[in-house]
Protein backbone atom coordinates (compact mmCIF):
# COMPACT_ATOMS: atom_id res chain seq x y z
CA MET A 1 0.00 0.00 0.00
CA ARG A 2 2.91 2.33 0.67
CA ALA A 3 4.16 1.67 -2.86
CA TRP A 4 0.71 2.70 -4.11
CA GLY A 5 1.11 6.01 -2.31
CA GLU A 6 -1.54 5.34 0.33
CA PRO A 7 -1.31 7.56 3.43
CA ALA A 8 0.35 6.11 6.54
CA ASP A 9 -2.86 6.17 8.61
CA ARG A 10 -4.69 4.12 5.97
CA VAL A 11 -1.78 1.64 5.81
CA ASP A 12 -1.84 1.27 9.61
CA SER A 13 -5.62 0.76 9.65
CA ALA A 14 -5.37 -1.80 6.85
CA ALA A 15 -2.64 -3.73 8.70
CA LEU A 16 -4.83 -4.02 11.80
CA ILE A 17 -7.89 -4.99 9.73
CA VAL A 18 -5.91 -7.71 7.91
CA THR A 19 -4.67 -9.04 11.26
CA GLU A 20 -8.20 -9.21 12.68
CA LEU A 21 -9.79 -10.77 9.58
CA VAL A 22 -7.07 -13.40 9.16
CA THR A 23 -7.28 -14.22 12.88
CA ASN A 24 -11.05 -14.70 12.53
CA ALA A 25 -10.53 -16.89 9.49
CA LEU A 26 -8.06 -19.04 11.42
CA GLN A 27 -10.44 -19.37 14.36
CA HIS A 28 -13.58 -20.09 12.34
CA THR A 29 -12.41 -22.50 9.67
CA THR A 30 -11.57 -26.16 9.58
CA THR A 31 -9.10 -25.77 6.73
CA ARG A 32 -5.64 -24.26 6.48
CA ARG A 33 -6.39 -22.54 3.17
CA ILE A 34 -6.90 -18.82 3.72
CA ARG A 35 -6.39 -16.13 1.10
CA CYS A 36 -5.86 -12.44 1.67
CA ARG A 37 -6.03 -9.99 -1.19
CA LEU A 38 -5.86 -6.20 -1.40
CA LEU A 39 -7.61 -4.50 -4.31
CA ARG A 40 -6.82 -0.91 -5.18
CA SER A 41 -9.49 1.44 -6.55
CA ALA A 42 -10.03 5.16 -6.96
CA ASP A 43 -11.90 5.16 -3.64
CA GLY A 44 -9.23 3.39 -1.59
CA VAL A 45 -8.31 -0.21 -0.88
CA ARG A 46 -10.53 -3.24 -0.38
CA ILE A 47 -9.19 -6.00 1.85
CA CYS A 48 -10.58 -9.47 1.13
CA VAL A 49 -10.01 -12.50 3.36
CA TRP A 50 -11.38 -15.81 2.14
CA ASN A 51 -11.38 -19.32 3.59
CA ARG A 52 -12.95 -22.63 2.68
CA GLY A 53 -14.70 -22.94 6.01
CA ARG A 54 -18.45 -23.23 6.26
CA ALA A 55 -18.81 -21.90 9.77
CA ARG A 56 -21.06 -18.92 10.31
CA ILE A 57 -19.19 -15.63 9.99
CA PRO A 58 -19.39 -13.91 13.36
CA ALA A 59 -21.04 -10.51 13.60
CA PRO A 60 -19.64 -7.76 15.78
CA ARG A 61 -21.42 -7.31 19.06
CA PRO A 62 -22.53 -3.73 19.67
CA PRO A 63 -20.81 -1.95 22.56
CA ALA A 64 -22.73 -1.06 25.70
CA ASP A 65 -24.58 2.23 25.75
CA GLU A 66 -21.90 4.88 26.27
CA ALA A 67 -24.16 6.81 28.62
CA GLU A 68 -24.22 3.86 31.00
CA SER A 69 -20.42 3.48 31.05
CA ALA A 70 -18.27 5.41 33.47
CA ASP A 71 -15.11 5.01 31.41
CA ALA A 72 -13.83 3.47 28.18
CA GLY A 73 -12.64 0.36 30.02
CA GLU A 74 -16.19 -0.46 30.99
CA LEU A 75 -17.45 0.22 27.47
CA TYR A 76 -16.12 -3.11 26.16
CA ALA A 77 -16.05 -5.05 29.42
CA HIS A 78 -19.12 -7.07 28.43
CA LEU A 79 -17.46 -8.37 25.26
CA SER A 80 -15.83 -11.76 25.31
CA GLU A 81 -12.30 -12.06 23.99
CA ASP A 82 -13.69 -13.38 20.69
CA GLY A 83 -15.97 -10.44 19.88
CA ARG A 84 -13.53 -7.57 19.71
CA GLY A 85 -11.86 -8.09 16.33
CA LEU A 86 -14.88 -7.21 14.26
CA VAL A 87 -15.63 -4.25 16.51
CA LEU A 88 -12.17 -2.94 15.54
CA VAL A 89 -12.82 -3.68 11.87
CA ASP A 90 -16.15 -1.86 12.11
CA ALA A 91 -14.44 1.17 13.68
CA LEU A 92 -11.53 1.32 11.20
CA ALA A 93 -13.18 0.41 7.90
CA ALA A 94 -15.26 2.79 5.82
CA ARG A 95 -17.54 -0.22 5.32
CA TRP A 96 -17.24 -3.99 5.49
CA GLY A 97 -19.30 -7.08 4.86
CA THR A 98 -19.42 -10.81 4.39
CA ARG A 99 -20.38 -13.23 1.68
CA ALA A 100 -20.94 -16.96 2.08
CA ALA A 101 -20.90 -19.48 -0.75
CA LEU A 102 -20.49 -23.20 -1.22
CA ALA A 103 -16.78 -22.64 -1.87
CA GLY A 104 -16.20 -20.80 1.40
CA GLN A 105 -16.52 -17.54 3.27
CA LEU A 106 -15.38 -14.06 2.28
CA VAL A 107 -15.04 -11.09 4.60
CA TRP A 108 -14.13 -7.75 3.03
CA ALA A 109 -13.37 -4.27 4.33
CA ASP A 110 -12.85 -0.96 2.56
CA VAL A 111 -10.28 1.51 3.86
């Protein structure tokens, strides 16, 4: 992405998103075949992570109501260790989504 001339903050966000999506793919698949691909467009970069697994793609759990939380530490206290990756993806990506097919699962994020 740096070679494409993408700004450093976008590169950093993309690196964290790739880490979270690949980690999810590793945790939610029964195969070792995982693909990661970055696609460049005029609008930015799309990150695609695909695996052959057929497990349900997890959805991010919404954080607790901020008004009820005394501090940021309490904001995510209700989340299990497994629910935080997609919350980060949701916060960092302009948009993201999933697609399931007979050949596997795809999770994508635009930065």
